[in-house]
């Protein structure tokens, strides 16, 4: 494959944590995927992923360290390749899902009653998701086919590539994004208005952004830091909190699982920190169960654990 085509394709599967894609190359990546189709692009991913794995720098090392932790041993080349291919395949599927081509996917939904029961009170629900598997398959398949109105809470500055992808492929969904970069009162008001209209609010809860307050939890037998703000917002909004996992199972198969976490998040003033940490730990425990069952769905390609070092021994 020509180096120029390699670079174009690599930008379409580049690590979203680094937001390395430019608008021009990203648009070209969209065009290639939508013109060539899903099956040819999945074949094309194999040499692309192999190249990226060999030259991916810290992201590739982070993948190796995670697999070592998840598998309890040093991962082989095939296992490392499988991890990156899963990530690339899910990113590729994101394009087709946002382009409303979800009829090409086989999606199994577990515990759907968790959502309908949580919405019986007449207001919306806070749905916590993570960089594990596909959140697109939840908000596109789970919302459009199940008629569940969803709003995405996304920091437009930090998630510039995700925002551009939404705007290019699904302007209607993009228009409903609530910008998490707003100041506290403005964000709380936007969230409250959406909840009053009976919407589901999808929010990431596993990745800490620069300057955010954090909570220390145990995750896969090691200390890790999770953001505090989802629990503060949940305590203010006073709506049910559920977890959602969109698990990639290979080929065109996905499994969506909903889990009830709390009817309300309560943070007493006298023990606010400890209470928030307890909720965060409960979330980490649920996430760990899913990650251990499907480790190749873990897409945090950086030093996730608090005691992580840069050394790759």
C-alpha atoms as a PDB file:
ATOM      1  CA  UNK A   1       0.000   0.000   0.000  1.00  0.00           C
ATOM      2  CA  UNK A   2       1.333   3.480  -0.884  1.00  0.00           C
ATOM      3  CA  UNK A   3       2.558   5.539   2.111  1.00  0.00           C
ATOM      4  CA  UNK A   4       0.040   8.304   1.350  1.00  0.00           C
ATOM      5  CA  UNK A   5      -2.872   5.864   1.521  1.00  0.00           C
ATOM      6  CA  UNK A   6      -1.444   4.386   4.700  1.00  0.00           C
ATOM      7  CA  UNK A   7      -1.386   7.819   6.285  1.00  0.00           C
ATOM      8  CA  UNK A   8      -4.941   8.589   5.194  1.00  0.00           C
ATOM      9  CA  UNK A   9      -6.248   5.297   6.537  1.00  0.00           C
ATOM     10  CA  UNK A  10      -4.292   5.593   9.754  1.00  0.00           C
ATOM     11  CA  UNK A  11      -5.885   8.920  10.550  1.00  0.00           C
ATOM     12  CA  UNK A  12      -9.312   7.307  10.409  1.00  0.00           C
ATOM     13  CA  UNK A  13      -8.357   4.849  13.159  1.00  0.00           C
ATOM     14  CA  UNK A  14      -5.967   7.094  15.096  1.00  0.00           C
ATOM     15  CA  UNK A  15      -6.146   7.214  18.861  1.00  0.00           C
ATOM     16  CA  UNK A  16      -9.039   9.500  19.773  1.00  0.00           C
ATOM     17  CA  UNK A  17      -7.246  10.410  23.025  1.00  0.00           C
ATOM     18  CA  UNK A  18      -4.691  12.333  20.984  1.00  0.00           C
ATOM     19  CA  UNK A  19      -7.195  13.706  18.423  1.00  0.00           C
ATOM     20  CA  UNK A  20      -4.557  13.482  15.704  1.00  0.00           C
ATOM     21  CA  UNK A  21      -6.768  13.577  12.594  1.00  0.00           C
ATOM     22  CA  UNK A  22      -7.091  16.708  10.510  1.00  0.00           C
ATOM     23  CA  UNK A  23     -10.424  17.709   9.028  1.00  0.00           C
ATOM     24  CA  UNK A  24      -9.254  17.081   5.459  1.00  0.00           C
ATOM     25  CA  UNK A  25      -7.863  13.593   6.040  1.00  0.00           C
ATOM     26  CA  UNK A  26     -10.850  12.673   8.195  1.00  0.00           C
ATOM     27  CA  UNK A  27     -13.261  13.652   5.425  1.00  0.00           C
ATOM     28  CA  UNK A  28     -11.229  11.591   2.983  1.00  0.00           C
ATOM     29  CA  UNK A  29     -11.376   8.658   5.390  1.00  0.00           C
ATOM     30  CA  UNK A  30     -15.178   8.987   5.528  1.00  0.00           C
ATOM     31  CA  UNK A  31     -15.314   9.076   1.737  1.00  0.00           C
ATOM     32  CA  UNK A  32     -13.169   5.954   1.381  1.00  0.00           C
ATOM     33  CA  UNK A  33     -15.229   3.998   3.895  1.00  0.00           C
ATOM     34  CA  UNK A  34     -18.594   4.967   2.434  1.00  0.00           C
ATOM     35  CA  UNK A  35     -17.475   4.373  -1.167  1.00  0.00           C
ATOM     36  CA  UNK A  36     -15.529   1.139  -0.691  1.00  0.00           C
ATOM     37  CA  UNK A  37     -17.967  -0.360   1.805  1.00  0.00           C
ATOM     38  CA  UNK A  38     -17.515  -2.077   5.122  1.00  0.00           C
ATOM     39  CA  UNK A  39     -16.161  -5.463   3.946  1.00  0.00           C
ATOM     40  CA  UNK A  40     -13.284  -4.101   1.802  1.00  0.00           C
ATOM     41  CA  UNK A  41     -12.373  -1.585   4.495  1.00  0.00           C
ATOM     42  CA  UNK A  42     -12.191  -4.335   7.132  1.00  0.00           C
ATOM     43  CA  UNK A  43      -9.649  -6.172   4.954  1.00  0.00           C
ATOM     44  CA  UNK A  44      -7.737  -2.934   4.475  1.00  0.00           C
ATOM     45  CA  UNK A  45      -7.591  -2.509   8.249  1.00  0.00           C
ATOM     46  CA  UNK A  46      -5.294  -5.522   8.659  1.00  0.00           C
ATOM     47  CA  UNK A  47      -2.122  -3.996   7.150  1.00  0.00           C
ATOM     48  CA  UNK A  48      -3.055  -0.579   8.527  1.00  0.00           C
ATOM     49  CA  UNK A  49      -3.328  -1.917  12.085  1.00  0.00           C
ATOM     50  CA  UNK A  50      -0.086  -3.903  11.731  1.00  0.00           C
ATOM     51  CA  UNK A  51       1.717  -0.753  10.587  1.00  0.00           C
ATOM     52  CA  UNK A  52       0.181   1.346  13.356  1.00  0.00           C
ATOM     53  CA  UNK A  53       0.994  -1.239  16.002  1.00  0.00           C
ATOM     54  CA  UNK A  54       4.646  -1.207  14.992  1.00  0.00           C
ATOM     55  CA  UNK A  55       4.869   2.582  14.889  1.00  0.00           C
ATOM     56  CA  UNK A  56       2.156   3.625  17.360  1.00  0.00           C
ATOM     57  CA  UNK A  57       4.518   4.731  20.103  1.00  0.00           C
ATOM     58  CA  UNK A  58       3.048   5.209  23.556  1.00  0.00           C
ATOM     59  CA  UNK A  59      -0.453   4.112  22.525  1.00  0.00           C
ATOM     60  CA  UNK A  60       0.884   0.737  21.407  1.00  0.00           C
ATOM     61  CA  UNK A  61       2.860   0.401  24.637  1.00  0.00           C
ATOM     62  CA  UNK A  62      -0.243   1.287  26.681  1.00  0.00           C
ATOM     63  CA  UNK A  63      -2.191  -1.430  24.868  1.00  0.00           C
ATOM     64  CA  UNK A  64       0.505  -3.945  25.707  1.00  0.00           C
ATOM     65  CA  UNK A  65       0.528  -2.946  29.375  1.00  0.00           C
ATOM     66  CA  UNK A  66      -3.252  -3.184  29.589  1.00  0.00           C
ATOM     67  CA  UNK A  67      -3.306  -6.644  28.027  1.00  0.00           C
ATOM     68  CA  UNK A  68      -0.587  -7.760  30.410  1.00  0.00           C
ATOM     69  CA  UNK A  69      -2.801  -6.642  33.294  1.00  0.00           C
ATOM     70  CA  UNK A  70      -6.016  -8.117  31.861  1.00  0.00           C
ATOM     71  CA  UNK A  71      -4.569 -11.456  30.741  1.00  0.00           C
ATOM     72  CA  UNK A  72      -2.190 -11.924  33.668  1.00  0.00           C
ATOM     73  CA  UNK A  73       0.734 -12.611  31.347  1.00  0.00           C
ATOM     74  CA  UNK A  74       2.728 -11.060  28.545  1.00  0.00           C
ATOM     75  CA  UNK A  75       0.477 -10.718  25.462  1.00  0.00           C
ATOM     76  CA  UNK A  76       1.622 -12.205  22.186  1.00  0.00           C
ATOM     77  CA  UNK A  77       1.718 -10.405  18.881  1.00  0.00           C
ATOM     78  CA  UNK A  78      -1.614 -11.879  17.766  1.00  0.00           C
ATOM     79  CA  UNK A  79      -3.308 -10.705  20.977  1.00  0.00           C
ATOM     80  CA  UNK A  80      -1.866  -7.222  20.589  1.00  0.00           C
ATOM     81  CA  UNK A  81      -2.974  -7.191  16.958  1.00  0.00           C
ATOM     82  CA  UNK A  82      -6.467  -8.329  17.970  1.00  0.00           C
ATOM     83  CA  UNK A  83      -6.743  -5.480  20.485  1.00  0.00           C
ATOM     84  CA  UNK A  84      -5.898  -2.826  17.905  1.00  0.00           C
ATOM     85  CA  UNK A  85      -7.989  -4.464  15.197  1.00  0.00           C
ATOM     86  CA  UNK A  86     -11.025  -4.458  17.501  1.00  0.00           C
ATOM     87  CA  UNK A  87     -10.498  -0.751  18.098  1.00  0.00           C
ATOM     88  CA  UNK A  88     -10.111  -0.038  14.380  1.00  0.00           C
ATOM     89  CA  UNK A  89     -13.169  -2.138  13.493  1.00  0.00           C
ATOM     90  CA  UNK A  90     -15.329  -0.303  16.032  1.00  0.00           C
ATOM     91  CA  UNK A  91     -14.144   3.066  14.706  1.00  0.00           C
ATOM     92  CA  UNK A  92     -14.918   1.941  11.172  1.00  0.00           C
ATOM     93  CA  UNK A  93     -18.376   0.790  12.240  1.00  0.00           C
ATOM     94  CA  UNK A  94     -18.914   4.206  13.828  1.00  0.00           C
ATOM     95  CA  UNK A  95     -19.004   5.709  10.345  1.00  0.00           C
ATOM     96  CA  UNK A  96     -21.686   3.308   9.117  1.00  0.00           C
ATOM     97  CA  UNK A  97     -23.743   3.531  12.302  1.00  0.00           C
ATOM     98  CA  UNK A  98     -23.792   7.320  12.218  1.00  0.00           C
ATOM     99  CA  UNK A  99     -24.692   7.150   8.530  1.00  0.00           C
ATOM    100  CA  UNK A 100     -27.839   5.224   9.598  1.00  0.00           C
ATOM    101  CA  UNK A 101     -26.694   1.941   8.057  1.00  0.00           C
ATOM    102  CA  UNK A 102     -27.450  -0.016  11.212  1.00  0.00           C
ATOM    103  CA  UNK A 103     -29.432  -2.629   9.292  1.00  0.00           C
ATOM    104  CA  UNK A 104     -26.049  -4.195   8.480  1.00  0.00           C
ATOM    105  CA  UNK A 105     -25.387  -5.007  12.147  1.00  0.00           C
ATOM    106  CA  UNK A 106     -26.667  -7.753  14.413  1.00  0.00           C
ATOM    107  CA  UNK A 107     -27.289  -6.228  17.825  1.00  0.00           C
ATOM    108  CA  UNK A 108     -28.428  -8.095  20.914  1.00  0.00           C
ATOM    109  CA  UNK A 109     -29.896  -5.970  23.709  1.00  0.00           C
ATOM    110  CA  UNK A 110     -29.761  -7.197  27.302  1.00  0.00           C
ATOM    111  CA  UNK A 111     -31.724  -5.777  30.227  1.00  0.00           C
ATOM    112  CA  UNK A 112     -33.672  -3.306  28.104  1.00  0.00           C
ATOM    113  CA  UNK A 113     -36.285  -3.218  30.870  1.00  0.00           C
ATOM    114  CA  UNK A 114     -33.734  -1.381  33.035  1.00  0.00           C
ATOM    115  CA  UNK A 115     -34.176   1.658  30.768  1.00  0.00           C
ATOM    116  CA  UNK A 116     -37.960   1.553  30.509  1.00  0.00           C
ATOM    117  CA  UNK A 117     -38.342   1.081  34.261  1.00  0.00           C
ATOM    118  CA  UNK A 118     -35.994   3.978  34.983  1.00  0.00           C
ATOM    119  CA  UNK A 119     -38.046   6.256  32.718  1.00  0.00           C
ATOM    120  CA  UNK A 120     -41.399   5.421  34.324  1.00  0.00           C
ATOM    121  CA  UNK A 121     -41.173   8.412  36.656  1.00  0.00           C
ATOM    122  CA  UNK A 122     -41.664  10.772  33.696  1.00  0.00           C
ATOM    123  CA  UNK A 123     -38.237  12.407  33.622  1.00  0.00           C
ATOM    124  CA  UNK A 124     -35.054  11.468  31.838  1.00  0.00           C
ATOM    125  CA  UNK A 125     -32.225   9.178  32.867  1.00  0.00           C
ATOM    126  CA  UNK A 126     -28.471   9.658  33.172  1.00  0.00           C
ATOM    127  CA  UNK A 127     -26.645   6.932  31.210  1.00  0.00           C
ATOM    128  CA  UNK A 128     -22.966   6.478  32.047  1.00  0.00           C
ATOM    129  CA  UNK A 129     -20.813   4.993  29.315  1.00  0.00           C
ATOM    130  CA  UNK A 130     -17.090   4.432  28.868  1.00  0.00           C
ATOM    131  CA  UNK A 131     -14.321   4.034  26.316  1.00  0.00           C
ATOM    132  CA  UNK A 132     -15.157   0.348  26.166  1.00  0.00           C
ATOM    133  CA  UNK A 133     -16.699  -1.115  23.048  1.00  0.00           C
ATOM    134  CA  UNK A 134     -19.016   1.103  21.014  1.00  0.00           C
ATOM    135  CA  UNK A 135     -21.191   3.854  22.387  1.00  0.00           C
ATOM    136  CA  UNK A 136     -22.427   4.618  18.847  1.00  0.00           C
ATOM    137  CA  UNK A 137     -24.176   1.256  18.647  1.00  0.00           C
ATOM    138  CA  UNK A 138     -26.066   2.195  21.824  1.00  0.00           C
ATOM    139  CA  UNK A 139     -27.154   5.657  20.845  1.00  0.00           C
ATOM    140  CA  UNK A 140     -27.948   4.851  17.204  1.00  0.00           C
ATOM    141  CA  UNK A 141     -29.382   1.335  17.420  1.00  0.00           C
ATOM    142  CA  UNK A 142     -30.649   1.595  20.975  1.00  0.00           C
ATOM    143  CA  UNK A 143     -32.239   4.989  20.458  1.00  0.00           C
ATOM    144  CA  UNK A 144     -33.627   5.019  16.954  1.00  0.00           C
ATOM    145  CA  UNK A 145     -34.916   1.470  16.827  1.00  0.00           C
ATOM    146  CA  UNK A 146     -36.159   1.456  20.407  1.00  0.00           C
ATOM    147  CA  UNK A 147     -37.494   5.008  20.206  1.00  0.00           C
ATOM    148  CA  UNK A 148     -35.434   6.214  23.151  1.00  0.00           C
ATOM    149  CA  UNK A 149     -34.615   9.927  22.839  1.00  0.00           C
ATOM    150  CA  UNK A 150     -30.961  10.480  23.694  1.00  0.00           C
ATOM    151  CA  UNK A 151     -28.730  13.511  24.135  1.00  0.00           C
ATOM    152  CA  UNK A 152     -24.957  13.217  24.164  1.00  0.00           C
ATOM    153  CA  UNK A 153     -22.925  15.149  26.734  1.00  0.00           C
ATOM    154  CA  UNK A 154     -19.595  15.878  25.029  1.00  0.00           C
ATOM    155  CA  UNK A 155     -16.819  18.417  25.516  1.00  0.00           C
ATOM    156  CA  UNK A 156     -16.684  19.860  22.008  1.00  0.00           C
ATOM    157  CA  UNK A 157     -13.160  21.210  22.525  1.00  0.00           C
ATOM    158  CA  UNK A 158     -11.701  17.950  23.817  1.00  0.00           C
ATOM    159  CA  UNK A 159     -13.704  15.770  21.424  1.00  0.00           C
ATOM    160  CA  UNK A 160     -13.214  17.788  18.247  1.00  0.00           C
ATOM    161  CA  UNK A 161     -12.822  14.679  16.072  1.00  0.00           C
ATOM    162  CA  UNK A 162     -15.946  13.026  17.483  1.00  0.00           C
ATOM    163  CA  UNK A 163     -17.922  16.239  17.030  1.00  0.00           C
ATOM    164  CA  UNK A 164     -16.759  16.619  13.425  1.00  0.00           C
ATOM    165  CA  UNK A 165     -17.699  13.007  12.739  1.00  0.00           C
ATOM    166  CA  UNK A 166     -21.182  13.570  14.132  1.00  0.00           C
ATOM    167  CA  UNK A 167     -21.707  16.765  12.165  1.00  0.00           C
ATOM    168  CA  UNK A 168     -20.508  15.192   8.926  1.00  0.00           C
ATOM    169  CA  UNK A 169     -22.521  11.979   9.126  1.00  0.00           C
ATOM    170  CA  UNK A 170     -25.498  12.692  11.377  1.00  0.00           C
ATOM    171  CA  UNK A 171     -26.261  16.426  11.716  1.00  0.00           C
ATOM    172  CA  UNK A 172     -29.489  15.706  13.568  1.00  0.00           C
ATOM    173  CA  UNK A 173     -27.691  13.797  16.296  1.00  0.00           C
ATOM    174  CA  UNK A 174     -24.923  16.409  16.375  1.00  0.00           C
ATOM    175  CA  UNK A 175     -27.476  19.182  16.930  1.00  0.00           C
ATOM    176  CA  UNK A 176     -28.557  17.470  20.148  1.00  0.00           C
ATOM    177  CA  UNK A 177     -25.075  17.375  21.679  1.00  0.00           C
ATOM    178  CA  UNK A 178     -24.843  19.169  25.024  1.00  0.00           C
ATOM    179  CA  UNK A 179     -21.449  20.838  25.328  1.00  0.00           C
ATOM    180  CA  UNK A 180     -19.809  19.698  28.560  1.00  0.00           C
ATOM    181  CA  UNK A 181     -17.358  22.615  28.312  1.00  0.00           C
ATOM    182  CA  UNK A 182     -20.072  25.059  29.434  1.00  0.00           C
ATOM    183  CA  UNK A 183     -19.754  26.679  32.843  1.00  0.00           C
ATOM    184  CA  UNK A 184     -21.350  24.788  35.710  1.00  0.00           C
ATOM    185  CA  UNK A 185     -24.718  26.594  35.981  1.00  0.00           C
ATOM    186  CA  UNK A 186     -25.222  26.687  32.184  1.00  0.00           C
ATOM    187  CA  UNK A 187     -24.407  22.988  31.867  1.00  0.00           C
ATOM    188  CA  UNK A 188     -26.682  22.046  34.764  1.00  0.00           C
ATOM    189  CA  UNK A 189     -29.541  24.038  33.191  1.00  0.00           C
ATOM    190  CA  UNK A 190     -29.058  22.387  29.777  1.00  0.00           C
ATOM    191  CA  UNK A 191     -29.023  18.955  31.380  1.00  0.00           C
ATOM    192  CA  UNK A 192     -32.114  19.702  33.473  1.00  0.00           C
ATOM    193  CA  UNK A 193     -34.050  20.894  30.439  1.00  0.00           C
ATOM    194  CA  UNK A 194     -33.180  17.712  28.520  1.00  0.00           C
ATOM    195  CA  UNK A 195     -34.177  15.525  31.461  1.00  0.00           C
ATOM    196  CA  UNK A 196     -37.455  17.389  31.914  1.00  0.00           C
ATOM    197  CA  UNK A 197     -38.214  16.472  28.292  1.00  0.00           C
ATOM    198  CA  UNK A 198     -37.681  12.794  29.109  1.00  0.00           C
ATOM    199  CA  UNK A 199     -34.369  12.342  27.330  1.00  0.00           C
ATOM    200  CA  UNK A 200     -31.570   9.930  28.099  1.00  0.00           C
ATOM    201  CA  UNK A 201     -28.307  11.760  28.816  1.00  0.00           C
ATOM    202  CA  UNK A 202     -25.245   9.790  27.697  1.00  0.00           C
ATOM    203  CA  UNK A 203     -22.048  10.780  29.523  1.00  0.00           C
ATOM    204  CA  UNK A 204     -18.546   9.290  29.644  1.00  0.00           C
ATOM    205  CA  UNK A 205     -17.444   8.472  33.181  1.00  0.00           C
ATOM    206  CA  UNK A 206     -14.097   6.692  32.812  1.00  0.00           C
ATOM    207  CA  UNK A 207     -11.645   9.287  31.512  1.00  0.00           C
ATOM    208  CA  UNK A 208     -10.193  12.258  33.394  1.00  0.00           C
ATOM    209  CA  UNK A 209      -9.648  15.478  31.487  1.00  0.00           C
ATOM    210  CA  UNK A 210      -7.003  18.039  32.349  1.00  0.00           C
ATOM    211  CA  UNK A 211      -7.906  20.111  35.391  1.00  0.00           C
ATOM    212  CA  UNK A 212     -10.767  17.879  36.557  1.00  0.00           C
ATOM    213  CA  UNK A 213     -11.177  16.748  40.141  1.00  0.00           C
ATOM    214  CA  UNK A 214     -10.729  13.006  40.537  1.00  0.00           C
ATOM    215  CA  UNK A 215     -11.731  10.103  42.755  1.00  0.00           C
ATOM    216  CA  UNK A 216      -9.423   7.208  43.539  1.00  0.00           C
ATOM    217  CA  UNK A 217     -10.821   3.714  42.934  1.00  0.00           C
ATOM    218  CA  UNK A 218      -9.554   0.167  42.649  1.00  0.00           C
ATOM    219  CA  UNK A 219      -9.793  -1.084  39.093  1.00  0.00           C
ATOM    220  CA  UNK A 220      -8.461  -4.497  38.119  1.00  0.00           C
ATOM    221  CA  UNK A 221      -6.536  -4.700  41.401  1.00  0.00           C
ATOM    222  CA  UNK A 222      -4.748  -1.393  40.941  1.00  0.00           C
ATOM    223  CA  UNK A 223      -5.494   2.216  41.933  1.00  0.00           C
ATOM    224  CA  UNK A 224      -6.973   4.393  39.194  1.00  0.00           C
ATOM    225  CA  UNK A 225      -8.433   7.872  38.959  1.00  0.00           C
ATOM    226  CA  UNK A 226     -11.972   8.550  37.728  1.00  0.00           C
ATOM    227  CA  UNK A 227     -13.613  11.956  37.216  1.00  0.00           C
ATOM    228  CA  UNK A 228     -15.708  13.327  40.050  1.00  0.00           C
ATOM    229  CA  UNK A 229     -18.046  15.473  37.951  1.00  0.00           C
ATOM    230  CA  UNK A 230     -20.489  12.712  36.802  1.00  0.00           C
ATOM    231  CA  UNK A 231     -21.423  12.048  40.407  1.00  0.00           C
ATOM    232  CA  UNK A 232     -21.715  15.726  41.310  1.00  0.00           C
ATOM    233  CA  UNK A 233     -24.007  16.291  38.333  1.00  0.00           C
ATOM    234  CA  UNK A 234     -26.032  13.182  39.143  1.00  0.00           C
ATOM    235  CA  UNK A 235     -26.542  14.376  42.719  1.00  0.00           C
ATOM    236  CA  UNK A 236     -27.806  17.739  41.446  1.00  0.00           C
ATOM    237  CA  UNK A 237     -30.059  16.289  38.735  1.00  0.00           C
ATOM    238  CA  UNK A 238     -31.652  13.648  40.994  1.00  0.00           C
ATOM    239  CA  UNK A 239     -32.605  11.185  38.268  1.00  0.00           C
ATOM    240  CA  UNK A 240     -31.936   7.450  37.934  1.00  0.00           C
ATOM    241  CA  UNK A 241     -28.431   6.473  36.862  1.00  0.00           C
ATOM    242  CA  UNK A 242     -27.882   3.455  34.633  1.00  0.00           C
ATOM    243  CA  UNK A 243     -24.786   2.017  32.979  1.00  0.00           C
ATOM    244  CA  UNK A 244     -24.580   1.012  29.331  1.00  0.00           C
ATOM    245  CA  UNK A 245     -21.992  -1.187  27.613  1.00  0.00           C
ATOM    246  CA  UNK A 246     -21.864  -1.679  23.829  1.00  0.00           C
ATOM    247  CA  UNK A 247     -19.681  -4.763  23.462  1.00  0.00           C
ATOM    248  CA  UNK A 248     -18.129  -5.613  20.098  1.00  0.00           C
ATOM    249  CA  UNK A 249     -18.241  -9.372  19.495  1.00  0.00           C
ATOM    250  CA  UNK A 250     -16.528  -9.591  16.131  1.00  0.00           C
ATOM    251  CA  UNK A 251     -17.807  -9.402  12.576  1.00  0.00           C
ATOM    252  CA  UNK A 252     -21.004  -7.351  12.563  1.00  0.00           C
ATOM    253  CA  UNK A 253     -22.136  -8.476  16.017  1.00  0.00           C
ATOM    254  CA  UNK A 254     -22.620  -6.247  19.059  1.00  0.00           C
ATOM    255  CA  UNK A 255     -24.207  -6.771  22.449  1.00  0.00           C
ATOM    256  CA  UNK A 256     -25.732  -3.874  24.391  1.00  0.00           C
ATOM    257  CA  UNK A 257     -26.110  -4.327  28.130  1.00  0.00           C
ATOM    258  CA  UNK A 258     -27.910  -1.922  30.475  1.00  0.00           C
ATOM    259  CA  UNK A 259     -27.442  -2.052  34.253  1.00  0.00           C
ATOM    260  CA  UNK A 260     -29.164  -0.094  37.007  1.00  0.00           C
ATOM    261  CA  UNK A 261     -26.699   1.684  39.286  1.00  0.00           C
ATOM    262  CA  UNK A 262     -28.744   4.035  41.472  1.00  0.00           C
ATOM    263  CA  UNK A 263     -32.280   5.375  41.673  1.00  0.00           C
ATOM    264  CA  UNK A 264     -30.779   8.653  42.879  1.00  0.00           C
ATOM    265  CA  UNK A 265     -27.218   9.741  43.680  1.00  0.00           C
ATOM    266  CA  UNK A 266     -27.131  11.265  47.153  1.00  0.00           C
ATOM    267  CA  UNK A 267     -24.004  13.067  48.386  1.00  0.00           C
ATOM    268  CA  UNK A 268     -24.480  14.226  51.998  1.00  0.00           C
ATOM    269  CA  UNK A 269     -22.642  17.462  52.715  1.00  0.00           C
ATOM    270  CA  UNK A 270     -20.786  15.983  55.679  1.00  0.00           C
ATOM    271  CA  UNK A 271     -19.462  13.018  53.688  1.00  0.00           C
ATOM    272  CA  UNK A 272     -19.643  14.189  50.098  1.00  0.00           C
ATOM    273  CA  UNK A 273     -16.188  12.975  49.089  1.00  0.00           C
ATOM    274  CA  UNK A 274     -16.600   9.518  50.587  1.00  0.00           C
ATOM    275  CA  UNK A 275     -20.080   9.111  49.109  1.00  0.00           C
ATOM    276  CA  UNK A 276     -18.918  10.145  45.624  1.00  0.00           C
ATOM    277  CA  UNK A 277     -15.989   7.747  45.904  1.00  0.00           C
ATOM    278  CA  UNK A 278     -18.363   4.906  46.797  1.00  0.00           C
ATOM    279  CA  UNK A 279     -20.470   5.549  43.670  1.00  0.00           C
ATOM    280  CA  UNK A 280     -17.336   5.763  41.533  1.00  0.00           C
ATOM    281  CA  UNK A 281     -16.086   2.479  42.978  1.00  0.00           C
ATOM    282  CA  UNK A 282     -19.418   0.802  42.229  1.00  0.00           C
ATOM    283  CA  UNK A 283     -19.118   2.016  38.640  1.00  0.00           C
ATOM    284  CA  UNK A 284     -15.499   0.792  38.445  1.00  0.00           C
ATOM    285  CA  UNK A 285     -16.522  -2.639  39.756  1.00  0.00           C
ATOM    286  CA  UNK A 286     -19.243  -2.992  37.093  1.00  0.00           C
ATOM    287  CA  UNK A 287     -16.876  -1.791  34.379  1.00  0.00           C
ATOM    288  CA  UNK A 288     -14.193  -4.235  35.502  1.00  0.00           C
ATOM    289  CA  UNK A 289     -16.567  -7.180  35.141  1.00  0.00           C
ATOM    290  CA  UNK A 290     -17.253  -6.220  31.532  1.00  0.00           C
ATOM    291  CA  UNK A 291     -13.597  -5.504  30.734  1.00  0.00           C
ATOM    292  CA  UNK A 292     -12.416  -8.836  32.113  1.00  0.00           C
ATOM    293  CA  UNK A 293     -15.077 -10.638  30.082  1.00  0.00           C
ATOM    294  CA  UNK A 294     -14.202  -8.760  26.845  1.00  0.00           C
ATOM    295  CA  UNK A 295     -10.705  -7.243  27.254  1.00  0.00           C
ATOM    296  CA  UNK A 296     -10.232  -6.445  23.564  1.00  0.00           C
ATOM    297  CA  UNK A 297     -13.023  -3.862  23.887  1.00  0.00           C
ATOM    298  CA  UNK A 298     -10.881  -1.646  26.154  1.00  0.00           C
ATOM    299  CA  UNK A 299     -10.045   1.530  24.225  1.00  0.00           C
ATOM    300  CA  UNK A 300      -8.205   3.722  26.726  1.00  0.00           C
ATOM    301  CA  UNK A 301      -4.775   3.735  25.087  1.00  0.00           C
ATOM    302  CA  UNK A 302      -2.837   5.655  27.715  1.00  0.00           C
ATOM    303  CA  UNK A 303      -1.551   5.118  31.239  1.00  0.00           C
ATOM    304  CA  UNK A 304      -4.912   4.566  32.890  1.00  0.00           C
ATOM    305  CA  UNK A 305      -3.744   3.443  36.322  1.00  0.00           C
ATOM    306  CA  UNK A 306      -2.520   5.923  38.911  1.00  0.00           C
ATOM    307  CA  UNK A 307       0.613   3.890  39.610  1.00  0.00           C
ATOM    308  CA  UNK A 308       1.419   3.330  35.929  1.00  0.00           C
ATOM    309  CA  UNK A 309       4.935   4.117  34.802  1.00  0.00           C
ATOM    310  CA  UNK A 310       6.247   4.862  31.366  1.00  0.00           C
ATOM    311  CA  UNK A 311       8.638   1.920  31.539  1.00  0.00           C
ATOM    312  CA  UNK A 312       7.522  -1.077  29.512  1.00  0.00           C
ATOM    313  CA  UNK A 313       9.252  -3.934  31.300  1.00  0.00           C
END
